PDB file of N, CA and C in Angstrom:
ATOM      1  N   MET A   1      -9.958   4.016  -5.716  1.00  0.00           N
ATOM      2  CA  MET A   1      -9.236   4.119  -4.767  1.00  0.00           C
ATOM      3  C   MET A   1      -7.886   4.391  -5.182  1.00  0.00           C
ATOM      4  N   LEU A   2      -6.919   5.230  -4.542  1.00  0.00           N
ATOM      5  CA  LEU A   2      -5.772   5.060  -5.442  1.00  0.00           C
ATOM      6  C   LEU A   2      -5.104   5.086  -3.779  1.00  0.00           C
ATOM      7  N   GLY A   3      -5.427   5.360  -2.923  1.00  0.00           N
ATOM      8  CA  GLY A   3      -4.910   5.613  -1.194  1.00  0.00           C
ATOM      9  C   GLY A   3      -5.819   6.143  -0.248  1.00  0.00           C
ATOM     10  N   PHE A   4      -5.138   5.968   0.964  1.00  0.00           N
ATOM     11  CA  PHE A   4      -5.866   6.177   2.141  1.00  0.00           C
ATOM     12  C   PHE A   4      -4.663   5.943   3.315  1.00  0.00           C
ATOM     13  N   ALA A   5      -4.766   6.972   3.650  1.00  0.00           N
ATOM     14  CA  ALA A   5      -4.072   6.968   5.348  1.00  0.00           C
ATOM     15  C   ALA A   5      -4.822   6.830   6.824  1.00  0.00           C
ATOM     16  N   MET A   6      -4.563   6.233   7.273  1.00  0.00           N
ATOM     17  CA  MET A   6      -6.004   6.284   8.473  1.00  0.00           C
ATOM     18  C   MET A   6      -4.372   6.321  10.175  1.00  0.00           C
ATOM     19  N   PHE A   7      -3.623   6.880   9.631  1.00  0.00           N
ATOM     20  CA  PHE A   7      -2.119   6.934  10.998  1.00  0.00           C
ATOM     21  C   PHE A   7      -2.989   8.421  11.295  1.00  0.00           C
ATOM     22  N   ASN A   8      -3.926   9.047  11.205  1.00  0.00           N
ATOM     23  CA  ASN A   8      -3.923  10.274  11.926  1.00  0.00           C
ATOM     24  C   ASN A   8      -5.609   9.440  12.813  1.00  0.00           C
ATOM     25  N   ALA A   9      -5.927   9.041  12.055  1.00  0.00           N
ATOM     26  CA  ALA A   9      -7.311   8.800  12.637  1.00  0.00           C
ATOM     27  C   ALA A   9      -7.096   7.960  14.369  1.00  0.00           C
ATOM     28  N   SER A  10      -8.442   8.053  14.795  1.00  0.00           N
ATOM     29  CA  SER A  10      -8.313   6.739  15.886  1.00  0.00           C
ATOM     30  C   SER A  10      -8.804   5.292  15.961  1.00  0.00           C
ATOM     31  N   PRO A  11      -8.172   4.574  17.120  1.00  0.00           N
ATOM     32  CA  PRO A  11      -8.695   3.566  16.765  1.00  0.00           C
ATOM     33  C   PRO A  11      -9.782   2.920  16.462  1.00  0.00           C
ATOM     34  N   VAL A  12     -10.802   3.882  17.728  1.00  0.00           N
ATOM     35  CA  VAL A  12     -11.965   4.092  17.357  1.00  0.00           C
ATOM     36  C   VAL A  12     -12.716   4.582  15.382  1.00  0.00           C
ATOM     37  N   GLU A  13     -12.072   4.982  14.897  1.00  0.00           N
ATOM     38  CA  GLU A  13     -12.248   5.647  13.374  1.00  0.00           C
ATOM     39  C   GLU A  13     -11.507   4.610  12.975  1.00  0.00           C
ATOM     40  N   GLN A  14     -10.306   3.870  12.789  1.00  0.00           N
ATOM     41  CA  GLN A  14      -9.579   2.846  12.190  1.00  0.00           C
ATOM     42  C   GLN A  14     -10.557   1.557  11.762  1.00  0.00           C
ATOM     43  N   GLN A  15     -11.688   1.442  13.187  1.00  0.00           N
ATOM     44  CA  GLN A  15     -11.724  -0.121  13.331  1.00  0.00           C
ATOM     45  C   GLN A  15     -12.870  -0.184  11.705  1.00  0.00           C
ATOM     46  N   PRO A  16     -13.987   0.384  11.744  1.00  0.00           N
ATOM     47  CA  PRO A  16     -15.064   0.887  10.813  1.00  0.00           C
ATOM     48  C   PRO A  16     -14.473   0.691   9.262  1.00  0.00           C
ATOM     49  N   CYS A  17     -13.183   1.236   9.182  1.00  0.00           N
ATOM     50  CA  CYS A  17     -12.919   1.604   8.013  1.00  0.00           C
ATOM     51  C   CYS A  17     -12.039   0.415   7.158  1.00  0.00           C
ATOM     52  N   ALA A  18     -11.318  -0.350   8.232  1.00  0.00           N
ATOM     53  CA  ALA A  18     -10.396  -1.584   8.183  1.00  0.00           C
ATOM     54  C   ALA A  18     -11.735  -2.550   7.566  1.00  0.00           C
ATOM     55  N   ALA A  19     -12.880  -2.910   8.396  1.00  0.00           N
ATOM     56  CA  ALA A  19     -13.375  -4.067   8.204  1.00  0.00           C
ATOM     57  C   ALA A  19     -14.264  -3.206   6.970  1.00  0.00           C
ATOM     58  N   ASP A  20     -14.984  -1.855   6.718  1.00  0.00           N
ATOM     59  CA  ASP A  20     -14.996  -1.746   4.933  1.00  0.00           C
ATOM     60  C   ASP A  20     -14.123  -2.325   4.176  1.00  0.00           C
ATOM     61  N   ILE A  21     -12.731  -1.876   4.222  1.00  0.00           N
ATOM     62  CA  ILE A  21     -11.838  -2.091   3.163  1.00  0.00           C
ATOM     63  C   ILE A  21     -11.561  -3.773   2.980  1.00  0.00           C
ATOM     64  N   ASN A  22     -11.874  -4.412   4.541  1.00  0.00           N
ATOM     65  CA  ASN A  22     -11.344  -5.707   3.867  1.00  0.00           C
ATOM     66  C   ASN A  22     -12.550  -6.648   3.829  1.00  0.00           C
ATOM     67  N   ARG A  23     -14.112  -6.103   3.625  1.00  0.00           N
ATOM     68  CA  ARG A  23     -15.309  -6.543   3.338  1.00  0.00           C
ATOM     69  C   ARG A  23     -14.647  -6.156   1.239  1.00  0.00           C
ATOM     70  N   TRP A  24     -14.634  -5.291   1.212  1.00  0.00           N
ATOM     71  CA  TRP A  24     -14.538  -5.246  -0.483  1.00  0.00           C
ATOM     72  C   TRP A  24     -13.739  -5.783  -1.093  1.00  0.00           C
ATOM     73  N   LEU A  25     -12.406  -6.256  -0.098  1.00  0.00           N
ATOM     74  CA  LEU A  25     -11.313  -6.696  -0.911  1.00  0.00           C
ATOM     75  C   LEU A  25     -11.650  -8.475  -0.887  1.00  0.00           C
ATOM     76  N   SER A  26     -12.695  -8.948   0.055  1.00  0.00           N
ATOM     77  CA  SER A  26     -12.963 -10.504   0.039  1.00  0.00           C
ATOM     78  C   SER A  26     -14.294 -10.178  -1.330  1.00  0.00           C
ATOM     79  N   GLU A  27     -14.772  -9.161  -1.132  1.00  0.00           N
ATOM     80  CA  GLU A  27     -16.099  -9.618  -1.824  1.00  0.00           C
ATOM     81  C   GLU A  27     -15.860  -9.051  -3.899  1.00  0.00           C
ATOM     82  N   GLY A  28     -14.137  -8.484  -3.871  1.00  0.00           N
ATOM     83  CA  GLY A  28     -14.032  -8.341  -5.111  1.00  0.00           C
ATOM     84  C   GLY A  28     -13.881  -6.961  -5.787  1.00  0.00           C
ATOM     85  N   LYS A  29     -14.796  -6.127  -4.608  1.00  0.00           N
ATOM     86  CA  LYS A  29     -14.672  -4.840  -4.894  1.00  0.00           C
ATOM     87  C   LYS A  29     -13.313  -3.976  -5.096  1.00  0.00           C
ATOM     88  N   LEU A  30     -12.598  -4.532  -4.358  1.00  0.00           N
ATOM     89  CA  LEU A  30     -11.457  -3.839  -3.749  1.00  0.00           C
ATOM     90  C   LEU A  30     -10.327  -4.844  -4.609  1.00  0.00           C
ATOM     91  N   ARG A  31      -9.115  -3.769  -5.184  1.00  0.00           N
ATOM     92  CA  ARG A  31      -8.284  -4.829  -5.359  1.00  0.00           C
ATOM     93  C   ARG A  31      -6.806  -3.874  -5.423  1.00  0.00           C
ATOM     94  N   ALA A  32      -6.085  -4.488  -5.116  1.00  0.00           N
ATOM     95  CA  ALA A  32      -4.802  -3.756  -4.648  1.00  0.00           C
ATOM     96  C   ALA A  32      -3.790  -3.584  -6.069  1.00  0.00           C
ATOM     97  N   VAL A  33      -2.868  -2.409  -6.476  1.00  0.00           N
ATOM     98  CA  VAL A  33      -2.497  -2.469  -7.445  1.00  0.00           C
ATOM     99  C   VAL A  33      -1.120  -2.967  -7.418  1.00  0.00           C
ATOM    100  N   ILE A  34      -0.045  -3.602  -7.877  1.00  0.00           N
ATOM    101  CA  ILE A  34       0.615  -4.005  -7.726  1.00  0.00           C
ATOM    102  C   ILE A  34       1.810  -3.234  -8.822  1.00  0.00           C
ATOM    103  N   GLY A  35       2.700  -2.496  -8.048  1.00  0.00           N
ATOM    104  CA  GLY A  35       3.318  -1.584  -8.897  1.00  0.00           C
ATOM    105  C   GLY A  35       4.878  -1.986  -9.157  1.00  0.00           C
ATOM    106  N   LYS A  36       5.331  -2.759  -7.919  1.00  0.00           N
ATOM    107  CA  LYS A  36       6.509  -3.417  -8.634  1.00  0.00           C
ATOM    108  C   LYS A  36       6.801  -4.976  -7.626  1.00  0.00           C
ATOM    109  N   SER A  37       7.300  -5.710  -8.252  1.00  0.00           N
ATOM    110  CA  SER A  37       7.290  -7.057  -7.701  1.00  0.00           C
ATOM    111  C   SER A  37       9.080  -7.577  -7.418  1.00  0.00           C
ATOM    112  N   LEU A  38       9.488  -7.860  -6.211  1.00  0.00           N
ATOM    113  CA  LEU A  38      10.761  -7.885  -6.166  1.00  0.00           C
ATOM    114  C   LEU A  38      10.765  -9.224  -5.172  1.00  0.00           C
ATOM    115  N   LYS A  39      12.076  -9.569  -5.263  1.00  0.00           N
ATOM    116  CA  LYS A  39      12.272 -10.726  -4.121  1.00  0.00           C
ATOM    117  C   LYS A  39      12.721 -10.442  -3.248  1.00  0.00           C
ATOM    118  N   LEU A  40      12.716 -11.012  -1.909  1.00  0.00           N
ATOM    119  CA  LEU A  40      12.822 -11.034  -0.595  1.00  0.00           C
ATOM    120  C   LEU A  40      13.943 -10.034  -0.366  1.00  0.00           C
ATOM    121  N   GLN A  41      14.935 -11.064  -0.761  1.00  0.00           N
ATOM    122  CA  GLN A  41      16.581 -10.684  -1.307  1.00  0.00           C
ATOM    123  C   GLN A  41      16.666  -8.862  -1.975  1.00  0.00           C
ATOM    124  N   GLN A  42      16.032  -8.425  -2.544  1.00  0.00           N
ATOM    125  CA  GLN A  42      15.753  -7.163  -2.484  1.00  0.00           C
ATOM    126  C   GLN A  42      14.947  -6.136  -2.033  1.00  0.00           C
ATOM    127  N   ALA A  43      15.078  -6.778  -0.250  1.00  0.00           N
ATOM    128  CA  ALA A  43      14.637  -5.781   0.266  1.00  0.00           C
ATOM    129  C   ALA A  43      14.621  -4.173   0.473  1.00  0.00           C
ATOM    130  N   ALA A  44      16.346  -4.125   0.196  1.00  0.00           N
ATOM    131  CA  ALA A  44      16.721  -2.538   0.605  1.00  0.00           C
ATOM    132  C   ALA A  44      16.412  -1.929  -0.756  1.00  0.00           C
ATOM    133  N   GLU A  45      16.388  -2.785  -2.205  1.00  0.00           N
ATOM    134  CA  GLU A  45      15.742  -1.640  -3.154  1.00  0.00           C
ATOM    135  C   GLU A  45      14.373  -1.583  -3.171  1.00  0.00           C
ATOM    136  N   ALA A  46      14.090  -2.194  -2.356  1.00  0.00           N
ATOM    137  CA  ALA A  46      12.553  -1.959  -2.040  1.00  0.00           C
ATOM    138  C   ALA A  46      11.978  -0.942  -1.605  1.00  0.00           C
ATOM    139  N   HIS A  47      13.343  -0.272  -0.171  1.00  0.00           N
ATOM    140  CA  HIS A  47      12.969   0.279   0.499  1.00  0.00           C
ATOM    141  C   HIS A  47      13.430   1.873  -0.060  1.00  0.00           C
ATOM    142  N   ARG A  48      14.582   1.636  -0.949  1.00  0.00           N
ATOM    143  CA  ARG A  48      14.691   2.701  -2.221  1.00  0.00           C
ATOM    144  C   ARG A  48      13.591   3.522  -2.465  1.00  0.00           C
ATOM    145  N   ILE A  49      13.247   2.254  -3.702  1.00  0.00           N
ATOM    146  CA  ILE A  49      12.288   2.674  -4.367  1.00  0.00           C
ATOM    147  C   ILE A  49      10.889   3.635  -3.415  1.00  0.00           C
ATOM    148  N   GLN A  50      10.422   2.443  -2.615  1.00  0.00           N
ATOM    149  CA  GLN A  50       9.395   3.639  -1.452  1.00  0.00           C
ATOM    150  C   GLN A  50      10.063   5.164  -1.574  1.00  0.00           C
ATOM    151  N   GLU A  51      11.275   4.938  -0.424  1.00  0.00           N
ATOM    152  CA  GLU A  51      11.693   6.497  -0.343  1.00  0.00           C
ATOM    153  C   GLU A  51      11.526   7.146  -1.366  1.00  0.00           C
ATOM    154  N   GLU A  52      11.873   7.209  -3.030  1.00  0.00           N
ATOM    155  CA  GLU A  52      12.143   7.472  -3.828  1.00  0.00           C
ATOM    156  C   GLU A  52      10.604   7.949  -4.165  1.00  0.00           C
ATOM    157  N   ASN A  53       9.904   7.447  -3.773  1.00  0.00           N
ATOM    158  CA  ASN A  53       8.364   7.839  -4.462  1.00  0.00           C
ATOM    159  C   ASN A  53       6.731   8.042  -3.877  1.00  0.00           C
ATOM    160  N   THR A  54       7.719   8.637  -2.239  1.00  0.00           N
ATOM    161  CA  THR A  54       6.851   9.047  -1.289  1.00  0.00           C
ATOM    162  C   THR A  54       6.763  10.934  -1.692  1.00  0.00           C
ATOM    163  N   LEU A  55       6.062  11.168  -0.385  1.00  0.00           N
ATOM    164  CA  LEU A  55       5.575  12.836  -0.997  1.00  0.00           C
ATOM    165  C   LEU A  55       7.413  13.557  -0.907  1.00  0.00           C
ATOM    166  N   GLY A  56       7.078  14.592  -1.718  1.00  0.00           N
ATOM    167  CA  GLY A  56       8.821  14.942  -2.151  1.00  0.00           C
ATOM    168  C   GLY A  56       9.431  14.113  -3.174  1.00  0.00           C
ATOM    169  N   GLY A  57       8.701  13.579  -3.391  1.00  0.00           N
ATOM    170  CA  GLY A  57       9.669  12.042  -4.432  1.00  0.00           C
ATOM    171  C   GLY A  57       9.835  12.412  -6.074  1.00  0.00           C
ATOM    172  N   ARG A  58       9.885  11.270  -6.639  1.00  0.00           N
ATOM    173  CA  ARG A  58       9.556  11.293  -7.925  1.00  0.00           C
ATOM    174  C   ARG A  58       8.251  11.068  -8.190  1.00  0.00           C
ATOM    175  N   GLY A  59       7.691  10.081  -7.782  1.00  0.00           N
ATOM    176  CA  GLY A  59       6.418   9.981  -7.544  1.00  0.00           C
ATOM    177  C   GLY A  59       5.985   9.357  -8.735  1.00  0.00           C
ATOM    178  N   ASP A  60       6.822   8.477  -9.143  1.00  0.00           N
ATOM    179  CA  ASP A  60       6.112   7.577 -10.875  1.00  0.00           C
ATOM    180  C   ASP A  60       5.861   6.493 -10.892  1.00  0.00           C
ATOM    181  N   LEU A  61       5.824   5.988  -9.338  1.00  0.00           N
ATOM    182  CA  LEU A  61       5.391   4.931  -9.042  1.00  0.00           C
ATOM    183  C   LEU A  61       4.051   4.449  -8.916  1.00  0.00           C
ATOM    184  N   THR A  62       3.241   3.702  -9.120  1.00  0.00           N
ATOM    185  CA  THR A  62       1.684   3.332  -8.699  1.00  0.00           C
ATOM    186  C   THR A  62       1.617   1.975  -8.108  1.00  0.00           C
ATOM    187  N   GLY A  63       1.277   2.098  -7.319  1.00  0.00           N
ATOM    188  CA  GLY A  63       0.796   0.704  -6.576  1.00  0.00           C
ATOM    189  C   GLY A  63       1.773   0.450  -5.777  1.00  0.00           C
ATOM    190  N   LYS A  64       1.215  -1.064  -4.829  1.00  0.00           N
ATOM    191  CA  LYS A  64       2.468  -1.275  -4.094  1.00  0.00           C
ATOM    192  C   LYS A  64       3.337  -1.755  -4.131  1.00  0.00           C
ATOM    193  N   ILE A  65       4.523  -1.931  -3.415  1.00  0.00           N
ATOM    194  CA  ILE A  65       5.683  -2.481  -3.934  1.00  0.00           C
ATOM    195  C   ILE A  65       5.298  -3.966  -2.783  1.00  0.00           C
ATOM    196  N   VAL A  66       5.618  -5.367  -3.681  1.00  0.00           N
ATOM    197  CA  VAL A  66       5.385  -6.482  -3.315  1.00  0.00           C
ATOM    198  C   VAL A  66       6.409  -7.098  -2.651  1.00  0.00           C
ATOM    199  N   LEU A  67       6.511  -7.761  -1.672  1.00  0.00           N
ATOM    200  CA  LEU A  67       8.270  -8.403  -2.065  1.00  0.00           C
ATOM    201  C   LEU A  67       7.863 -10.342  -2.078  1.00  0.00           C
ATOM    202  N   GLU A  68       8.292 -10.708  -2.894  1.00  0.00           N
ATOM    203  CA  GLU A  68       7.747 -12.490  -2.847  1.00  0.00           C
ATOM    204  C   GLU A  68       9.342 -13.043  -2.316  1.00  0.00           C
ATOM    205  N   PRO A  69       9.149 -14.308  -1.881  1.00  0.00           N
ATOM    206  CA  PRO A  69      10.092 -14.798  -1.240  1.00  0.00           C
ATOM    207  C   PRO A  69      10.902 -15.797  -2.496  1.00  0.00           C
TER     208      PRO A  69
END
């Protein structure tokens, strides 16, 4: 799975999907891909990267952006 958007789903539809995803994560059947890891102090940079890689952007980032303490 490369992506999954639930914002258009109702809470009733979201609940079983979230339960499945959480179960797959805990069972090791699904893992998050980290595309970029930055320090918390670089949150503004992370936001810029996110904006540049959303629909209509460059789209060259694959994975999640993680902020570390």
